[in-house]
Amino acid sequence: MIGLPWFLLAAGIAIVVLGFVLAGLPGGSSMSQRTIDPDMRDDDIVRELKRAERLPISTLVILAGFACILVSIGWRIARAVL
């Protein structure tokens, strides 16, 4: 139980690194975005705009890693204060 915050910190760092690796893979979110041109139909434009609003999986993985790191640091601070 004493070492759990350290394992959580290590897991958070590993998850953040994994998220950055996923973001750097070919075909990532920034490279696969199409531009909207005047020849597109209205439903294609709506589909592209809705796709642009979604968060890519790499961003969600990075946020989960930062959450693990934050919980680990908060846990250690709370344990030191109490």
Protein backbone atom coordinates (compact mmCIF):
# COMPACT_ATOMS: atom_id res chain seq x y z
CA MET A 1 0.00 0.00 0.00
CA ILE A 2 2.92 2.32 0.68
CA GLY A 3 4.43 1.78 -2.76
CA LEU A 4 1.16 2.15 -4.67
CA PRO A 5 1.57 5.89 -5.39
CA TRP A 6 4.98 5.20 -6.90
CA PHE A 7 3.58 2.47 -9.11
CA LEU A 8 0.76 4.81 -10.11
CA LEU A 9 3.32 7.48 -11.01
CA ALA A 10 5.31 4.99 -13.09
CA ALA A 11 2.17 3.77 -14.85
CA GLY A 12 1.12 7.37 -15.54
CA ILE A 13 4.49 8.16 -17.11
CA ALA A 14 4.30 5.01 -19.24
CA ILE A 15 0.77 5.90 -20.37
CA VAL A 16 1.85 9.44 -21.32
CA VAL A 17 4.77 8.06 -23.35
CA LEU A 18 2.41 5.60 -25.04
CA GLY A 19 0.06 8.47 -25.91
CA PHE A 20 2.87 10.46 -27.50
CA VAL A 21 3.94 7.39 -29.49
CA LEU A 22 0.36 6.95 -30.71
CA ALA A 23 0.23 10.63 -31.68
CA GLY A 24 3.43 10.29 -33.69
CA LEU A 25 2.33 7.28 -35.73
CA PRO A 26 1.67 7.85 -39.43
CA GLY A 27 -1.98 8.53 -40.09
CA GLY A 28 -2.36 10.39 -36.82
CA SER A 29 -5.02 12.98 -36.22
CA SER A 30 -3.16 15.98 -37.64
CA MET A 31 -2.06 14.24 -40.82
CA SER A 32 -5.38 12.67 -41.73
CA GLN A 33 -7.50 15.81 -41.61
CA ARG A 34 -8.99 16.76 -44.94
CA THR A 35 -9.68 20.29 -45.94
CA ILE A 36 -13.16 21.37 -46.96
CA ASP A 37 -13.35 22.37 -50.59
CA PRO A 38 -16.20 23.96 -52.54
CA ASP A 39 -16.86 20.78 -54.54
CA MET A 40 -17.95 18.78 -51.46
CA ARG A 41 -21.59 18.01 -50.74
CA ASP A 42 -23.25 19.45 -47.65
CA ASP A 43 -23.40 16.14 -45.76
CA ASP A 44 -19.68 15.57 -46.46
CA ILE A 45 -18.91 18.98 -44.99
CA VAL A 46 -21.03 18.25 -41.91
CA ARG A 47 -19.30 14.88 -41.47
CA GLU A 48 -15.85 16.50 -41.70
CA LEU A 49 -16.80 19.19 -39.19
CA LYS A 50 -18.13 16.62 -36.70
CA ARG A 51 -15.02 14.50 -37.14
CA ALA A 52 -12.85 17.53 -36.40
CA GLU A 53 -14.69 18.10 -33.09
CA ARG A 54 -13.81 14.66 -31.70
CA LEU A 55 -10.70 14.13 -29.58
CA PRO A 56 -8.22 11.67 -31.04
CA ILE A 57 -7.43 8.54 -29.02
CA SER A 58 -3.85 9.70 -28.46
CA THR A 59 -5.08 12.81 -26.64
CA LEU A 60 -7.35 10.73 -24.42
CA VAL A 61 -4.47 8.37 -23.57
CA ILE A 62 -2.20 11.32 -22.68
CA LEU A 63 -4.92 12.84 -20.47
CA ALA A 64 -5.40 9.52 -18.68
CA GLY A 65 -1.65 9.36 -18.02
CA PHE A 66 -1.60 12.89 -16.63
CA ALA A 67 -4.56 11.99 -14.41
CA CYS A 68 -2.62 9.01 -12.99
CA ILE A 69 0.37 11.25 -12.31
CA LEU A 70 -1.80 13.87 -10.63
CA VAL A 71 -3.53 11.29 -8.42
CA SER A 72 -0.15 9.85 -7.44
CA ILE A 73 1.25 13.25 -6.46
CA GLY A 74 -1.93 14.19 -4.62
CA TRP A 75 -1.90 10.88 -2.77
CA ARG A 76 1.68 11.42 -1.59
CA ILE A 77 0.97 15.02 -0.51
CA ALA A 78 -2.14 13.94 1.39
CA ARG A 79 -0.21 11.15 3.09
CA ALA A 80 2.57 13.56 4.11
CA VAL A 81 0.14 16.12 5.53
CA LEU A 82 -2.03 13.64 7.42
